Amino acid sequence: MNDTTMTDNLVQTWVPVADARGRTHLEARWTSARPAAVPAQAPHAA
């Protein structure tokens, strides 16, 4: 299941999780929807 909900800079995704007995269920995970800072590009020799 790849259902996704977005609200106030958070993204909820459903991920399958296996318990100690090997049974799988879905859990909601919330993560920041803000883009990660773009790392500065290191100069390189031409």
PDB file of N, CA and C in Angstrom:
ATOM      1  N   MET A   1       0.853  -1.176   0.000  1.00  0.00           N
ATOM      2  CA  MET A   1       0.000   0.000   0.000  1.00  0.00           C
ATOM      3  C   MET A   1       0.896   1.235   0.000  1.00  0.00           C
ATOM      4  N   ASN A   2       0.719   2.096  -0.938  1.00  0.00           N
ATOM      5  CA  ASN A   2       1.527   3.305  -1.034  1.00  0.00           C
ATOM      6  C   ASN A   2       0.670   4.544  -0.894  1.00  0.00           C
ATOM      7  N   ASP A   3      -0.235   4.548   0.067  1.00  0.00           N
ATOM      8  CA  ASP A   3      -1.095   5.693   0.295  1.00  0.00           C
ATOM      9  C   ASP A   3      -0.291   6.757   1.033  1.00  0.00           C
ATOM     10  N   THR A   4      -0.365   7.996   0.565  1.00  0.00           N
ATOM     11  CA  THR A   4       0.405   9.077   1.165  1.00  0.00           C
ATOM     12  C   THR A   4      -0.519  10.248   1.458  1.00  0.00           C
ATOM     13  N   THR A   5      -0.367  10.855   2.640  1.00  0.00           N
ATOM     14  CA  THR A   5      -1.132  12.027   3.019  1.00  0.00           C
ATOM     15  C   THR A   5      -0.148  13.126   3.366  1.00  0.00           C
ATOM     16  N   MET A   6      -0.439  14.373   2.916  1.00  0.00           N
ATOM     17  CA  MET A   6       0.468  15.481   3.166  1.00  0.00           C
ATOM     18  C   MET A   6      -0.277  16.583   3.920  1.00  0.00           C
ATOM     19  N   THR A   7       0.319  17.106   4.990  1.00  0.00           N
ATOM     20  CA  THR A   7      -0.294  18.195   5.729  1.00  0.00           C
ATOM     21  C   THR A   7       0.767  18.957   6.517  1.00  0.00           C
ATOM     22  N   ASP A   8       0.744  20.287   6.455  1.00  0.00           N
ATOM     23  CA  ASP A   8       1.628  21.150   7.241  1.00  0.00           C
ATOM     24  C   ASP A   8       3.082  20.695   7.265  1.00  0.00           C
ATOM     25  N   ASN A   9       3.661  20.499   6.113  1.00  0.00           N
ATOM     26  CA  ASN A   9       5.068  20.132   5.977  1.00  0.00           C
ATOM     27  C   ASN A   9       5.415  18.748   6.508  1.00  0.00           C
ATOM     28  N   LEU A  10       4.428  17.902   6.695  1.00  0.00           N
ATOM     29  CA  LEU A  10       4.672  16.519   7.083  1.00  0.00           C
ATOM     30  C   LEU A  10       4.096  15.598   6.015  1.00  0.00           C
ATOM     31  N   VAL A  11       4.732  14.457   5.833  1.00  0.00           N
ATOM     32  CA  VAL A  11       4.241  13.463   4.883  1.00  0.00           C
ATOM     33  C   VAL A  11       4.035  12.165   5.656  1.00  0.00           C
ATOM     34  N   GLN A  12       2.838  11.592   5.523  1.00  0.00           N
ATOM     35  CA  GLN A  12       2.556  10.307   6.163  1.00  0.00           C
ATOM     36  C   GLN A  12       2.613   9.222   5.105  1.00  0.00           C
ATOM     37  N   THR A  13       3.403   8.210   5.361  1.00  0.00           N
ATOM     38  CA  THR A  13       3.455   7.070   4.460  1.00  0.00           C
ATOM     39  C   THR A  13       3.208   5.808   5.274  1.00  0.00           C
ATOM     40  N   TRP A  14       2.683   4.781   4.622  1.00  0.00           N
ATOM     41  CA  TRP A  14       2.411   3.504   5.277  1.00  0.00           C
ATOM     42  C   TRP A  14       3.486   2.531   4.849  1.00  0.00           C
ATOM     43  N   VAL A  15       4.139   1.924   5.824  1.00  0.00           N
ATOM     44  CA  VAL A  15       5.217   0.987   5.531  1.00  0.00           C
ATOM     45  C   VAL A  15       4.913  -0.360   6.179  1.00  0.00           C
ATOM     46  N   PRO A  16       5.226  -1.459   5.480  1.00  0.00           N
ATOM     47  CA  PRO A  16       5.032  -2.776   6.078  1.00  0.00           C
ATOM     48  C   PRO A  16       6.117  -3.051   7.118  1.00  0.00           C
ATOM     49  N   VAL A  17       5.706  -3.608   8.261  1.00  0.00           N
ATOM     50  CA  VAL A  17       6.630  -3.920   9.346  1.00  0.00           C
ATOM     51  C   VAL A  17       6.361  -5.351   9.790  1.00  0.00           C
ATOM     52  N   ALA A  18       7.425  -6.146   9.948  1.00  0.00           N
ATOM     53  CA  ALA A  18       7.288  -7.520  10.418  1.00  0.00           C
ATOM     54  C   ALA A  18       7.572  -7.562  11.920  1.00  0.00           C
ATOM     55  N   ASP A  19       6.721  -8.270  12.673  1.00  0.00           N
ATOM     56  CA  ASP A  19       6.956  -8.410  14.109  1.00  0.00           C
ATOM     57  C   ASP A  19       7.857  -9.616  14.384  1.00  0.00           C
ATOM     58  N   ALA A  20       8.093  -9.911  15.654  1.00  0.00           N
ATOM     59  CA  ALA A  20       9.010 -10.990  16.038  1.00  0.00           C
ATOM     60  C   ALA A  20       8.542 -12.356  15.549  1.00  0.00           C
ATOM     61  N   ARG A  21       7.233 -12.525  15.349  1.00  0.00           N
ATOM     62  CA  ARG A  21       6.694 -13.806  14.875  1.00  0.00           C
ATOM     63  C   ARG A  21       6.644 -13.895  13.355  1.00  0.00           C
ATOM     64  N   GLY A  22       7.083 -12.833  12.676  1.00  0.00           N
ATOM     65  CA  GLY A  22       7.086 -12.841  11.222  1.00  0.00           C
ATOM     66  C   GLY A  22       5.799 -12.342  10.593  1.00  0.00           C
ATOM     67  N   ARG A  23       4.859 -11.898  11.417  1.00  0.00           N
ATOM     68  CA  ARG A  23       3.607 -11.344  10.889  1.00  0.00           C
ATOM     69  C   ARG A  23       3.856  -9.920  10.413  1.00  0.00           C
ATOM     70  N   THR A  24       3.265  -9.562   9.296  1.00  0.00           N
ATOM     71  CA  THR A  24       3.460  -8.234   8.718  1.00  0.00           C
ATOM     72  C   THR A  24       2.210  -7.389   8.927  1.00  0.00           C
ATOM     73  N   HIS A  25       2.423  -6.132   9.303  1.00  0.00           N
ATOM     74  CA  HIS A  25       1.321  -5.181   9.420  1.00  0.00           C
ATOM     75  C   HIS A  25       1.823  -3.826   8.927  1.00  0.00           C
ATOM     76  N   LEU A  26       0.900  -2.894   8.745  1.00  0.00           N
ATOM     77  CA  LEU A  26       1.278  -1.559   8.269  1.00  0.00           C
ATOM     78  C   LEU A  26       1.385  -0.601   9.441  1.00  0.00           C
ATOM     79  N   GLU A  27       2.382   0.271   9.374  1.00  0.00           N
ATOM     80  CA  GLU A  27       2.545   1.341  10.351  1.00  0.00           C
ATOM     81  C   GLU A  27       2.676   2.659   9.610  1.00  0.00           C
ATOM     82  N   ALA A  28       2.099   3.713  10.208  1.00  0.00           N
ATOM     83  CA  ALA A  28       2.225   5.049   9.632  1.00  0.00           C
ATOM     84  C   ALA A  28       3.532   5.662  10.090  1.00  0.00           C
ATOM     85  N   ARG A  29       4.221   6.302   9.174  1.00  0.00           N
ATOM     86  CA  ARG A  29       5.465   7.014   9.501  1.00  0.00           C
ATOM     87  C   ARG A  29       5.306   8.452   9.025  1.00  0.00           C
ATOM     88  N   TRP A  30       5.630   9.397   9.882  1.00  0.00           N
ATOM     89  CA  TRP A  30       5.584  10.811   9.540  1.00  0.00           C
ATOM     90  C   TRP A  30       7.004  11.326   9.376  1.00  0.00           C
ATOM     91  N   THR A  31       7.247  12.029   8.285  1.00  0.00           N
ATOM     92  CA  THR A  31       8.550  12.637   8.044  1.00  0.00           C
ATOM     93  C   THR A  31       8.342  14.054   7.538  1.00  0.00           C
ATOM     94  N   SER A  32       9.373  14.855   7.624  1.00  0.00           N
ATOM     95  CA  SER A  32       9.309  16.234   7.166  1.00  0.00           C
ATOM     96  C   SER A  32       9.194  16.271   5.647  1.00  0.00           C
ATOM     97  N   ALA A  33       8.315  17.137   5.140  1.00  0.00           N
ATOM     98  CA  ALA A  33       8.148  17.293   3.699  1.00  0.00           C
ATOM     99  C   ALA A  33       9.055  18.385   3.151  1.00  0.00           C
ATOM    100  N   ARG A  34       9.753  19.065   4.050  1.00  0.00           N
ATOM    101  CA  ARG A  34      10.642  20.135   3.600  1.00  0.00           C
ATOM    102  C   ARG A  34      11.825  19.529   2.869  1.00  0.00           C
ATOM    103  N   PRO A  35      12.198  20.121   1.761  1.00  0.00           N
ATOM    104  CA  PRO A  35      13.345  19.583   1.027  1.00  0.00           C
ATOM    105  C   PRO A  35      14.617  19.691   1.852  1.00  0.00           C
ATOM    106  N   ALA A  36      15.437  18.699   1.748  1.00  0.00           N
ATOM    107  CA  ALA A  36      16.716  18.711   2.460  1.00  0.00           C
ATOM    108  C   ALA A  36      17.587  19.816   1.885  1.00  0.00           C
ATOM    109  N   ALA A  37      18.431  20.359   2.716  1.00  0.00           N
ATOM    110  CA  ALA A  37      19.337  21.404   2.254  1.00  0.00           C
ATOM    111  C   ALA A  37      20.226  20.837   1.148  1.00  0.00           C
ATOM    112  N   VAL A  38      20.384  21.611   0.114  1.00  0.00           N
ATOM    113  CA  VAL A  38      21.219  21.184  -1.005  1.00  0.00           C
ATOM    114  C   VAL A  38      22.663  21.421  -0.625  1.00  0.00           C
ATOM    115  N   PRO A  39      23.468  20.392  -0.629  1.00  0.00           N
ATOM    116  CA  PRO A  39      24.874  20.582  -0.249  1.00  0.00           C
ATOM    117  C   PRO A  39      25.596  21.445  -1.295  1.00  0.00           C
ATOM    118  N   ALA A  40      26.524  22.234  -0.813  1.00  0.00           N
ATOM    119  CA  ALA A  40      27.309  23.065  -1.734  1.00  0.00           C
ATOM    120  C   ALA A  40      28.152  22.152  -2.610  1.00  0.00           C
ATOM    121  N   GLN A  41      28.188  22.490  -3.874  1.00  0.00           N
ATOM    122  CA  GLN A  41      28.970  21.674  -4.814  1.00  0.00           C
ATOM    123  C   GLN A  41      30.453  21.997  -4.628  1.00  0.00           C
ATOM    124  N   ALA A  42      31.234  20.962  -4.413  1.00  0.00           N
ATOM    125  CA  ALA A  42      32.670  21.151  -4.229  1.00  0.00           C
ATOM    126  C   ALA A  42      33.307  21.527  -5.562  1.00  0.00           C
ATOM    127  N   PRO A  43      34.205  22.486  -5.536  1.00  0.00           N
ATOM    128  CA  PRO A  43      34.907  22.824  -6.788  1.00  0.00           C
ATOM    129  C   PRO A  43      35.777  21.652  -7.235  1.00  0.00           C
ATOM    130  N   HIS A  44      35.935  21.530  -8.504  1.00  0.00           N
ATOM    131  CA  HIS A  44      36.771  20.444  -9.038  1.00  0.00           C
ATOM    132  C   HIS A  44      37.743  20.993 -10.069  1.00  0.00           C
ATOM    133  N   ALA A  45      38.809  20.282 -10.235  1.00  0.00           N
ATOM    134  CA  ALA A  45      39.829  20.721 -11.204  1.00  0.00           C
ATOM    135  C   ALA A  45      39.311  20.517 -12.610  1.00  0.00           C
ATOM    136  N   ALA A  46      39.621  21.459 -13.473  1.00  0.00           N
ATOM    137  CA  ALA A  46      39.160  21.368 -14.861  1.00  0.00           C
ATOM    138  C   ALA A  46      40.203  20.697 -15.737  1.00  0.00           C
TER     139      ALA A  46
END
